[in-house]
Amino acid sequence: MMTLSSPMIAAAPEFEVCNPFSGARIGQLPETSDSEILATVLRARQAAAAFRASMPYERRALLDRLADLVVRDREILAQMICAEMGKTITEARNESRRAVNTLRLSGEAVSFLDGEVLNCAVIEGGVDRHAAITYVPTGTVAAITPFNYPLNLLCHKLGPAIAAGNAVVVKPSPKAPFAAEHLVQLTQEAGFPRDLVQIVHGGAAAATALACAPIDLLSFTGGPVAGLALKRASGLVRCLMELGGNDPLFVLPDADLEAAAATAIGHRYEIAGQSCAAVKKLYVHETVRDAFTEILLNKVAQHRFGDPSSDDTQMGPVIDAPAAQEIMARLDEAKLLGARLLTGGTRDGNLIAPTVIDDVPLDAKLIADETFGPVLAIRPFRNLDTAMAEINSSDFGLQAGVFSNDHAAIRKLSRGLQVGGVMINEGPDFRAEHVPFGGIKRSGLGREGVRIALREMSETRVVID
């Protein structure tokens, strides 16, 4: 029992996490104070100093054991993701599966840190020496993750960081922290060294405190405003940032319209449109506009949305009420500017009906900026150069999709679009875990994707002898 002479220790403030669909309280977690964040990073630095001497096969074994535990707990993790984020249970199970792949690929990727040897006498006057180029751990990685993929995006940071020999301090989104909390607990069960992977909790203040702490690399996924603030806070620390996109899908005259419509729906309505690379703008050629729109609307009418915990549901809610309000405000503005609502556009709590809106003007916020919501915005076009110029005028440049078998058009778009990736006969949201992923301009800095992230999270060392 506390005596009168004992100092009062204030309990850490806590934040609640609620189910976006039902509003039911899932649980609560304490916010981590600035001083504890600093202490956590200092412990991580000690762990990193010891772990940098680990062998690649040891790191691979750790990641394989962690992947095995995720397989064991995949349904637990899926139920957590469904409850805290509102992702359908089918989508949540798919995220658990992808997380296993990301961890296993991270373990396998240690073989790509093999370096090279360069001869210094390749020019006249050069010296008879050789330069050995190797890759060494960078140290302590701060991994700040968003709500939309709370497990797999963490694995995309944690996996390569561990494979490269680093320590990791995780700060998940306070909107969806429990899957991350569980994964960090699994690292201990997998036998990770003490303090090698730790977790802190909180919102923007906690993220800033982590960025200001003595970390060696900041890996952040979120919005460009927050990203710029964290980059400024972190100073000269190297930053890897995925900051969103405003991604187009081109449907050209020779496109497979059925496949293009199914992909547009699958990529935009997945997790209620809350994906960085989801189809934000549908550029449909005038010659196929009517036929494509008819196919699209027929498919949208069959798209089942509602309770994300049901196996039959194809789309759940957006993350919270402010997000839903913003989507509806942007739809209203677009209609005032002349856009035509073709279907959807209704809201029930955080659940927004799958929406298609046509003739959206360029100055409407719905497509001028990234919109996180289940809205397919159509921009009909006739001239490919004009449409491409519209895309390139955007502040974002993440990915683009193209449905066509016209080699000349594909070549023009793949060379001319100012984006990080162009997906042919696929949507812009397509991603393979080991392939580089990221964008240009306000879409981010550096690349994720297991193999390239491993290099990004390592330091290049040169020894000349």
Protein backbone atom coordinates (compact mmCIF):
# COMPACT_ATOMS: atom_id res chain seq x y z
CA MET A 1 0.00 0.00 0.00
CA MET A 2 1.24 3.48 -0.91
CA THR A 3 2.31 5.50 2.15
CA LEU A 4 1.75 9.23 2.58
CA SER A 5 5.44 9.87 2.14
CA SER A 6 5.64 7.99 -1.15
CA PRO A 7 5.83 10.15 -4.28
CA MET A 8 2.71 10.06 -6.44
CA ILE A 9 3.39 8.46 -9.80
CA ALA A 10 0.90 9.52 -12.41
CA ALA A 11 -0.48 6.72 -14.50
CA ALA A 12 0.26 6.99 -18.20
CA PRO A 13 -2.71 8.32 -20.18
CA GLU A 14 -4.48 5.65 -22.16
CA PHE A 15 -6.23 5.65 -25.51
CA GLU A 16 -9.13 3.47 -26.54
CA VAL A 17 -9.45 1.45 -29.72
CA CYS A 18 -12.96 0.87 -31.06
CA ASN A 19 -14.39 -1.30 -33.81
CA PRO A 20 -15.04 0.98 -36.80
CA PHE A 21 -18.16 -0.95 -37.79
CA SER A 22 -19.94 -1.55 -34.49
CA GLY A 23 -18.33 1.13 -32.34
CA ALA A 24 -17.67 -1.49 -29.67
CA ARG A 25 -14.63 -0.89 -27.48
CA ILE A 26 -11.88 -3.39 -28.32
CA GLY A 27 -9.41 -2.36 -25.65
CA GLN A 28 -7.06 0.34 -24.51
CA LEU A 29 -3.32 0.87 -24.31
CA PRO A 30 -1.13 3.34 -22.42
CA GLU A 31 0.53 6.12 -24.35
CA THR A 32 4.31 5.99 -24.12
CA SER A 33 5.87 9.13 -22.62
CA ASP A 34 8.69 10.99 -24.34
CA SER A 35 11.13 9.90 -21.64
CA GLU A 36 10.17 6.25 -22.03
CA ILE A 37 10.49 6.50 -25.81
CA LEU A 38 14.02 7.79 -25.33
CA ALA A 39 14.79 5.00 -22.86
CA THR A 40 13.38 2.44 -25.31
CA VAL A 41 15.59 3.73 -28.12
CA LEU A 42 18.66 3.66 -25.88
CA ARG A 43 17.93 0.02 -25.00
CA ALA A 44 17.50 -0.72 -28.69
CA ARG A 45 20.88 0.85 -29.43
CA GLN A 46 22.53 -1.50 -26.96
CA ALA A 47 20.76 -4.46 -28.52
CA ALA A 48 21.77 -3.30 -31.99
CA ALA A 49 25.42 -3.03 -30.96
CA ALA A 50 25.39 -6.69 -29.95
CA PHE A 51 23.24 -7.92 -32.84
CA ARG A 52 25.38 -6.36 -35.57
CA ALA A 53 27.87 -9.21 -35.03
CA SER A 54 25.21 -11.84 -35.73
CA MET A 55 25.61 -14.08 -38.74
CA PRO A 56 23.17 -13.91 -41.67
CA TYR A 57 22.04 -17.49 -41.09
CA GLU A 58 21.14 -16.58 -37.50
CA ARG A 59 19.00 -13.67 -38.65
CA ARG A 60 17.29 -15.88 -41.20
CA ALA A 61 16.54 -18.46 -38.51
CA LEU A 62 14.94 -15.80 -36.30
CA LEU A 63 12.72 -14.56 -39.12
CA ASP A 64 11.74 -18.11 -40.08
CA ARG A 65 10.72 -18.85 -36.49
CA LEU A 66 8.73 -15.63 -36.36
CA ALA A 67 7.00 -16.56 -39.63
CA ASP A 68 6.13 -19.97 -38.17
CA LEU A 69 4.51 -18.28 -35.17
CA VAL A 70 2.51 -15.96 -37.43
CA VAL A 71 1.28 -19.05 -39.26
CA ARG A 72 0.26 -20.55 -35.92
CA ASP A 73 -1.54 -17.33 -34.85
CA ARG A 74 -2.80 -16.28 -38.27
CA GLU A 75 -6.46 -16.51 -37.28
CA ILE A 76 -5.87 -14.61 -34.03
CA LEU A 77 -4.11 -11.88 -36.00
CA ALA A 78 -6.81 -11.83 -38.67
CA GLN A 79 -9.55 -11.40 -36.07
CA MET A 80 -7.56 -8.56 -34.47
CA ILE A 81 -7.14 -6.77 -37.79
CA CYS A 82 -10.82 -7.22 -38.65
CA ALA A 83 -11.91 -5.84 -35.28
CA GLU A 84 -9.53 -2.89 -34.92
CA MET A 85 -9.35 -1.73 -38.53
CA GLY A 86 -12.68 -2.79 -40.05
CA LYS A 87 -11.03 -4.86 -42.78
CA THR A 88 -13.20 -7.79 -43.85
CA ILE A 89 -12.21 -11.09 -42.30
CA THR A 90 -11.27 -12.37 -45.76
CA GLU A 91 -9.00 -9.37 -46.32
CA ALA A 92 -7.53 -9.74 -42.82
CA ARG A 93 -6.72 -13.40 -43.40
CA ASN A 94 -5.04 -12.44 -46.65
CA GLU A 95 -2.94 -9.87 -44.80
CA SER A 96 -1.81 -12.53 -42.32
CA ARG A 97 -0.81 -14.75 -45.25
CA ARG A 98 1.12 -11.94 -46.90
CA ALA A 99 2.90 -11.12 -43.63
CA VAL A 100 4.24 -14.68 -43.49
CA ASN A 101 5.55 -14.30 -47.05
CA THR A 102 7.19 -10.98 -46.19
CA LEU A 103 9.00 -12.45 -43.18
CA ARG A 104 10.19 -15.53 -45.07
CA LEU A 105 11.38 -13.45 -48.03
CA SER A 106 13.21 -11.16 -45.60
CA GLY A 107 15.08 -14.16 -44.22
CA GLU A 108 15.96 -15.36 -47.70
CA ALA A 109 17.11 -11.88 -48.73
CA VAL A 110 20.15 -11.96 -46.43
CA SER A 111 21.97 -13.71 -49.28
CA PHE A 112 21.75 -10.49 -51.33
CA LEU A 113 24.04 -8.60 -48.95
CA ASP A 114 27.03 -10.13 -50.70
CA GLY A 115 28.91 -7.01 -51.85
CA GLU A 116 31.47 -6.79 -54.65
CA VAL A 117 35.16 -6.18 -55.35
CA LEU A 118 36.39 -3.37 -57.62
CA ASN A 119 39.86 -3.02 -59.10
CA CYS A 120 41.37 0.42 -58.39
CA ALA A 121 43.80 0.15 -61.31
CA VAL A 122 41.20 0.44 -64.07
CA ILE A 123 42.57 3.80 -65.23
CA GLU A 124 46.06 5.00 -66.00
CA GLY A 125 47.70 6.21 -62.83
CA GLY A 126 45.45 4.00 -60.70
CA VAL A 127 46.90 2.03 -57.83
CA ASP A 128 47.31 -1.71 -57.62
CA ARG A 129 44.64 -2.13 -54.99
CA HIS A 130 41.20 -3.66 -54.68
CA ALA A 131 38.13 -2.13 -53.06
CA ALA A 132 35.90 -4.53 -51.17
CA ILE A 133 32.35 -3.18 -50.88
CA THR A 134 30.21 -4.72 -48.16
CA TYR A 135 26.98 -3.89 -46.36
CA VAL A 136 26.82 -3.50 -42.60
CA PRO A 137 23.91 -2.83 -40.21
CA THR A 138 22.77 0.76 -39.91
CA GLY A 139 21.83 0.44 -36.22
CA THR A 140 18.43 1.28 -34.76
CA VAL A 141 15.43 1.56 -37.08
CA ALA A 142 12.28 3.44 -36.07
CA ALA A 143 9.28 1.83 -37.79
CA ILE A 144 6.15 3.99 -37.81
CA THR A 145 3.20 2.23 -39.40
CA PRO A 146 -0.33 3.22 -40.51
CA PHE A 147 -3.71 1.70 -39.72
CA ASN A 148 -4.55 0.22 -43.11
CA TYR A 149 -2.14 -2.73 -43.14
CA PRO A 150 -1.23 -2.98 -39.46
CA LEU A 151 0.55 -6.34 -39.76
CA ASN A 152 2.07 -6.66 -43.22
CA LEU A 153 3.42 -3.12 -43.46
CA LEU A 154 5.12 -3.66 -40.12
CA CYS A 155 6.66 -6.88 -41.49
CA HIS A 156 7.90 -4.87 -44.49
CA LYS A 157 9.90 -2.75 -42.05
CA LEU A 158 10.79 -5.28 -39.36
CA GLY A 159 11.77 -8.13 -41.71
CA PRO A 160 14.43 -6.31 -43.77
CA ALA A 161 15.68 -4.43 -40.69
CA ILE A 162 16.35 -7.67 -38.81
CA ALA A 163 17.79 -9.35 -41.91
CA ALA A 164 20.24 -6.44 -42.20
CA GLY A 165 21.28 -6.83 -38.54
CA ASN A 166 19.43 -3.89 -36.99
CA ALA A 167 17.27 -3.29 -33.93
CA VAL A 168 13.71 -2.01 -34.38
CA VAL A 169 11.46 0.30 -32.36
CA VAL A 170 7.87 0.05 -33.58
CA LYS A 171 5.19 2.74 -33.28
CA PRO A 172 1.91 1.55 -34.78
CA SER A 173 -1.10 3.71 -35.53
CA PRO A 174 -3.18 4.30 -32.38
CA LYS A 175 -6.21 3.46 -34.54
CA ALA A 176 -5.03 -0.15 -35.04
CA PRO A 177 -2.23 -1.12 -32.63
CA PHE A 178 -3.12 -4.62 -31.44
CA ALA A 179 -1.85 -6.70 -34.37
CA ALA A 180 1.50 -4.91 -34.07
CA GLU A 181 1.53 -5.48 -30.31
CA HIS A 182 0.95 -9.19 -30.88
CA LEU A 183 3.70 -9.44 -33.51
CA VAL A 184 6.22 -7.80 -31.20
CA GLN A 185 5.28 -10.29 -28.48
CA LEU A 186 5.86 -13.10 -30.97
CA THR A 187 9.42 -11.88 -31.57
CA GLN A 188 10.17 -12.70 -27.94
CA GLU A 189 8.65 -16.16 -28.29
CA ALA A 190 10.72 -16.66 -31.44
CA GLY A 191 13.90 -16.06 -29.43
CA PHE A 192 14.84 -12.58 -30.62
CA PRO A 193 17.50 -11.02 -28.35
CA ARG A 194 16.12 -8.86 -25.56
CA ASP A 195 15.29 -5.28 -26.61
CA LEU A 196 16.02 -5.99 -30.28
CA VAL A 197 12.36 -5.37 -31.17
CA GLN A 198 10.33 -3.06 -28.93
CA ILE A 199 7.07 -1.16 -29.26
CA VAL A 200 5.88 2.26 -28.17
CA HIS A 201 2.37 3.69 -28.46
CA GLY A 202 0.75 7.03 -29.13
CA GLY A 203 -0.16 9.48 -31.85
CA ALA A 204 1.68 12.30 -33.57
CA ALA A 205 3.53 13.38 -30.41
CA ALA A 206 4.92 9.88 -29.89
CA ALA A 207 5.97 9.71 -33.54
CA THR A 208 7.80 13.03 -33.21
CA ALA A 209 9.51 11.94 -30.00
CA LEU A 210 10.68 8.75 -31.71
CA ALA A 211 11.96 10.70 -34.72
CA CYS A 212 13.89 13.03 -32.39
CA ALA A 213 15.44 10.16 -30.42
CA PRO A 214 18.93 8.84 -31.33
CA ILE A 215 17.74 6.48 -34.06
CA ASP A 216 19.78 5.64 -37.16
CA LEU A 217 17.00 5.25 -39.72
CA LEU A 218 13.37 6.31 -39.86
CA SER A 219 10.93 4.17 -41.85
CA PHE A 220 7.51 5.81 -42.04
CA THR A 221 4.30 5.03 -43.90
CA GLY A 222 1.60 7.69 -43.74
CA GLY A 223 0.64 11.04 -45.21
CA PRO A 224 2.96 13.66 -46.74
CA VAL A 225 2.27 16.34 -44.12
CA ALA A 226 3.18 14.00 -41.27
CA GLY A 227 6.10 12.64 -43.26
CA LEU A 228 7.61 16.09 -43.81
CA ALA A 229 7.18 16.95 -40.12
CA LEU A 230 8.95 13.74 -39.08
CA LYS A 231 11.72 14.26 -41.61
CA ARG A 232 12.37 17.71 -40.18
CA ALA A 233 12.28 16.34 -36.62
CA SER A 234 14.74 13.54 -37.42
CA GLY A 235 17.38 15.88 -38.84
CA LEU A 236 20.12 14.14 -40.83
CA VAL A 237 18.83 10.64 -40.10
CA ARG A 238 18.18 8.65 -43.25
CA CYS A 239 14.46 8.39 -44.01
CA LEU A 240 12.46 5.84 -45.96
CA MET A 241 8.94 7.17 -46.50
CA GLU A 242 5.87 5.92 -48.31
CA LEU A 243 3.50 8.88 -48.28
CA GLY A 244 0.52 7.88 -50.38
CA GLY A 245 -0.62 8.29 -53.94
CA ASN A 246 -3.31 9.53 -56.29
CA ASP A 247 -3.16 6.59 -58.60
CA PRO A 248 -4.73 6.26 -62.05
CA LEU A 249 -6.00 3.23 -63.93
CA PHE A 250 -6.06 3.65 -67.71
CA VAL A 251 -8.65 1.73 -69.72
CA LEU A 252 -7.67 1.95 -73.40
CA PRO A 253 -9.81 1.12 -76.46
CA ASP A 254 -8.50 -2.44 -76.82
CA ALA A 255 -8.74 -3.27 -73.11
CA ASP A 256 -10.43 -6.36 -71.71
CA LEU A 257 -13.31 -4.39 -70.21
CA GLU A 258 -14.54 -7.19 -67.93
CA ALA A 259 -11.07 -7.64 -66.43
CA ALA A 260 -10.51 -3.89 -66.13
CA ALA A 261 -13.82 -3.37 -64.33
CA ALA A 262 -13.23 -6.29 -61.96
CA THR A 263 -9.73 -4.99 -61.17
CA ALA A 264 -10.95 -1.43 -60.59
CA ILE A 265 -13.54 -2.71 -58.10
CA GLY A 266 -11.16 -5.15 -56.44
CA HIS A 267 -8.42 -2.56 -56.02
CA ARG A 268 -10.58 0.40 -55.03
CA TYR A 269 -13.11 -1.23 -52.75
CA GLU A 270 -10.57 -3.42 -50.98
CA ILE A 271 -10.33 -2.21 -47.36
CA ALA A 272 -12.95 0.40 -48.32
CA GLY A 273 -10.53 2.26 -50.57
CA GLN A 274 -8.04 2.97 -47.80
CA SER A 275 -4.91 1.87 -49.64
CA CYS A 276 -2.10 4.15 -50.79
CA ALA A 277 -1.95 2.69 -54.30
CA ALA A 278 -5.68 1.99 -54.78
CA VAL A 279 -7.36 3.17 -58.00
CA LYS A 280 -8.14 6.81 -57.25
CA LYS A 281 -8.84 7.93 -60.84
CA LEU A 282 -10.29 5.88 -63.71
CA TYR A 283 -9.10 7.23 -67.04
CA VAL A 284 -11.50 5.61 -69.53
CA HIS A 285 -11.14 6.19 -73.27
CA GLU A 286 -14.22 7.80 -74.83
CA THR A 287 -14.65 4.98 -77.36
CA VAL A 288 -15.25 2.40 -74.62
CA ARG A 289 -16.71 4.68 -71.99
CA ASP A 290 -20.35 3.59 -72.27
CA ALA A 291 -19.59 -0.12 -72.53
CA PHE A 292 -17.11 -0.03 -69.67
CA THR A 293 -19.38 2.01 -67.40
CA GLU A 294 -22.25 -0.43 -67.92
CA ILE A 295 -20.05 -3.40 -67.00
CA LEU A 296 -18.63 -1.52 -64.02
CA LEU A 297 -22.02 -0.54 -62.60
CA ASN A 298 -23.36 -4.06 -62.95
CA LYS A 299 -20.44 -5.40 -60.97
CA VAL A 300 -20.66 -2.65 -58.31
CA ALA A 301 -24.34 -3.49 -57.78
CA GLN A 302 -23.31 -7.02 -56.80
CA HIS A 303 -20.57 -5.90 -54.39
CA ARG A 304 -21.56 -6.91 -50.85
CA PHE A 305 -20.72 -4.43 -48.08
CA GLY A 306 -21.52 -4.44 -44.40
CA ASP A 307 -20.34 -6.33 -41.31
CA PRO A 308 -16.62 -7.06 -41.88
CA SER A 309 -16.68 -10.10 -39.59
CA SER A 310 -18.98 -11.97 -41.99
CA ASP A 311 -17.34 -14.29 -44.51
CA ASP A 312 -19.78 -13.05 -47.17
CA THR A 313 -18.86 -9.38 -46.85
CA GLN A 314 -16.62 -7.95 -49.56
CA MET A 315 -16.18 -4.44 -48.13
CA GLY A 316 -16.31 -3.05 -44.62
CA PRO A 317 -16.29 0.48 -43.15
CA VAL A 318 -13.74 3.25 -43.28
CA ILE A 319 -11.62 3.70 -40.18
CA ASP A 320 -13.62 6.36 -38.29
CA ALA A 321 -16.24 9.10 -38.45
CA PRO A 322 -13.89 11.95 -39.50
CA ALA A 323 -12.73 9.82 -42.45
CA ALA A 324 -16.33 9.13 -43.47
CA GLN A 325 -17.25 12.80 -43.16
CA GLU A 326 -14.31 13.85 -45.34
CA ILE A 327 -15.28 11.41 -48.10
CA MET A 328 -18.88 12.63 -48.13
CA ALA A 329 -17.74 16.28 -48.19
CA ARG A 330 -15.54 15.58 -51.20
CA LEU A 331 -18.38 13.83 -53.01
CA ASP A 332 -20.66 16.81 -52.35
CA GLU A 333 -18.05 19.22 -53.64
CA ALA A 334 -17.47 17.15 -56.79
CA LYS A 335 -21.20 17.14 -57.55
CA LEU A 336 -21.38 20.90 -57.10
CA LEU A 337 -18.54 21.21 -59.62
CA GLY A 338 -20.44 19.18 -62.20
CA ALA A 339 -19.61 15.54 -61.51
CA ARG A 340 -22.41 12.95 -61.96
CA LEU A 341 -23.05 10.40 -59.23
CA LEU A 342 -23.80 7.06 -60.92
CA THR A 343 -24.22 4.84 -57.87
CA GLY A 344 -23.56 4.83 -54.13
CA GLY A 345 -22.67 8.03 -52.33
CA THR A 346 -24.60 7.11 -49.18
CA ARG A 347 -23.32 6.74 -45.63
CA ASP A 348 -24.43 4.68 -42.63
CA GLY A 349 -22.09 5.38 -39.72
CA ASN A 350 -18.60 4.58 -40.99
CA LEU A 351 -19.96 2.44 -43.79
CA ILE A 352 -20.02 4.15 -47.18
CA ALA A 353 -21.68 2.42 -50.11
CA PRO A 354 -19.41 1.51 -53.05
CA THR A 355 -19.54 4.63 -55.17
CA VAL A 356 -18.98 5.50 -58.84
CA ILE A 357 -18.94 9.14 -59.94
CA ASP A 358 -18.38 10.35 -63.51
CA ASP A 359 -17.05 13.50 -65.18
CA VAL A 360 -15.10 14.54 -62.09
CA PRO A 361 -13.33 17.86 -62.76
CA LEU A 362 -9.61 18.15 -62.10
CA ASP A 363 -10.04 20.79 -59.39
CA ALA A 364 -12.35 18.61 -57.26
CA LYS A 365 -10.62 17.50 -54.06
CA LEU A 366 -11.92 14.01 -54.77
CA ILE A 367 -9.19 13.55 -57.38
CA ALA A 368 -6.98 16.60 -56.88
CA ASP A 369 -5.78 15.02 -53.64
CA GLU A 370 -5.60 11.47 -52.32
CA THR A 371 -9.03 10.28 -51.18
CA PHE A 372 -9.11 7.32 -48.79
CA GLY A 373 -12.53 5.84 -49.46
CA PRO A 374 -14.59 3.51 -51.69
CA VAL A 375 -15.07 5.95 -54.56
CA LEU A 376 -14.26 5.25 -58.21
CA ALA A 377 -13.90 8.64 -59.94
CA ILE A 378 -14.10 8.50 -63.74
CA ARG A 379 -12.17 10.88 -66.00
CA PRO A 380 -13.09 10.15 -69.64
CA PHE A 381 -10.34 11.01 -72.13
CA ARG A 382 -9.62 10.92 -75.85
CA ASN A 383 -6.00 12.01 -76.14
CA LEU A 384 -3.47 9.87 -74.27
CA ASP A 385 -0.85 12.64 -74.07
CA THR A 386 -3.37 15.00 -72.49
CA ALA A 387 -4.43 12.39 -69.93
CA MET A 388 -0.81 11.57 -69.14
CA ALA A 389 -0.05 15.27 -68.65
CA GLU A 390 -2.91 15.47 -66.13
CA ILE A 391 -1.40 12.61 -64.13
CA ASN A 392 2.09 14.11 -64.25
CA SER A 393 0.79 17.46 -62.98
CA SER A 394 -0.17 15.80 -59.69
CA ASP A 395 1.95 16.25 -56.60
CA PHE A 396 1.87 12.47 -56.16
CA GLY A 397 3.58 9.75 -58.18
CA LEU A 398 3.16 6.32 -56.62
CA GLN A 399 1.89 3.78 -59.16
CA ALA A 400 -0.37 3.50 -62.22
CA GLY A 401 -2.27 0.71 -63.91
CA VAL A 402 -2.89 0.22 -67.64
CA PHE A 403 -5.35 -2.12 -69.32
CA SER A 404 -4.25 -2.57 -72.93
CA ASN A 405 -2.31 -4.83 -75.28
CA ASP A 406 -1.34 -1.91 -77.53
CA HIS A 407 2.46 -2.00 -77.34
CA ALA A 408 2.92 1.59 -78.49
CA ALA A 409 0.48 2.93 -75.88
CA ILE A 410 1.98 0.78 -73.13
CA ARG A 411 5.44 1.98 -74.06
CA LYS A 412 4.32 5.62 -74.05
CA LEU A 413 2.68 5.32 -70.64
CA SER A 414 5.39 3.23 -68.98
CA ARG A 415 8.07 5.69 -70.14
CA GLY A 416 6.13 8.92 -69.76
CA LEU A 417 4.17 8.57 -66.51
CA GLN A 418 5.99 10.14 -63.57
CA VAL A 419 5.33 7.38 -61.05
CA GLY A 420 7.29 4.75 -59.18
CA GLY A 421 5.66 1.79 -60.91
CA VAL A 422 3.44 0.99 -63.90
CA MET A 423 1.34 -2.18 -63.78
CA ILE A 424 0.28 -3.61 -67.16
CA ASN A 425 -3.16 -5.25 -67.31
CA GLU A 426 -3.27 -4.81 -63.56
CA GLY A 427 -4.36 -2.15 -61.13
CA PRO A 428 -1.95 0.31 -59.50
CA ASP A 429 -2.43 -1.43 -56.15
CA PHE A 430 -0.67 -4.59 -57.32
CA ARG A 431 2.37 -5.41 -55.22
CA ALA A 432 4.72 -8.34 -54.75
CA GLU A 433 6.48 -8.44 -51.37
CA HIS A 434 10.04 -8.70 -52.75
CA VAL A 435 9.66 -6.12 -55.56
CA PRO A 436 10.59 -2.44 -55.05
CA PHE A 437 7.56 -0.35 -54.09
CA GLY A 438 7.41 3.40 -53.65
CA GLY A 439 6.95 6.65 -55.49
CA ILE A 440 8.30 10.04 -56.41
CA LYS A 441 7.38 13.62 -55.55
CA ARG A 442 5.06 13.73 -52.50
CA SER A 443 4.59 9.97 -52.65
CA GLY A 444 7.76 9.32 -50.74
CA LEU A 445 11.48 8.76 -50.37
CA GLY A 446 13.28 5.50 -51.08
CA ARG A 447 11.66 2.14 -51.70
CA GLU A 448 10.13 -0.71 -49.76
CA GLY A 449 10.06 -4.31 -50.98
CA VAL A 450 12.15 -6.85 -49.14
CA ARG A 451 15.28 -7.02 -51.28
CA ILE A 452 15.75 -3.31 -51.91
CA ALA A 453 14.72 -2.42 -48.33
CA LEU A 454 17.50 -4.67 -47.05
CA ARG A 455 20.02 -2.47 -48.88
CA GLU A 456 18.22 0.71 -47.81
CA MET A 457 18.54 -0.39 -44.17
CA SER A 458 22.26 -1.15 -44.48
CA GLU A 459 25.34 1.04 -44.66
CA THR A 460 27.81 0.68 -47.52
CA ARG A 461 31.35 0.03 -46.31
CA VAL A 462 34.46 0.23 -48.50
CA VAL A 463 37.80 -1.37 -47.58
CA ILE A 464 40.68 -0.68 -50.00
CA ASP A 465 43.72 -2.91 -49.74
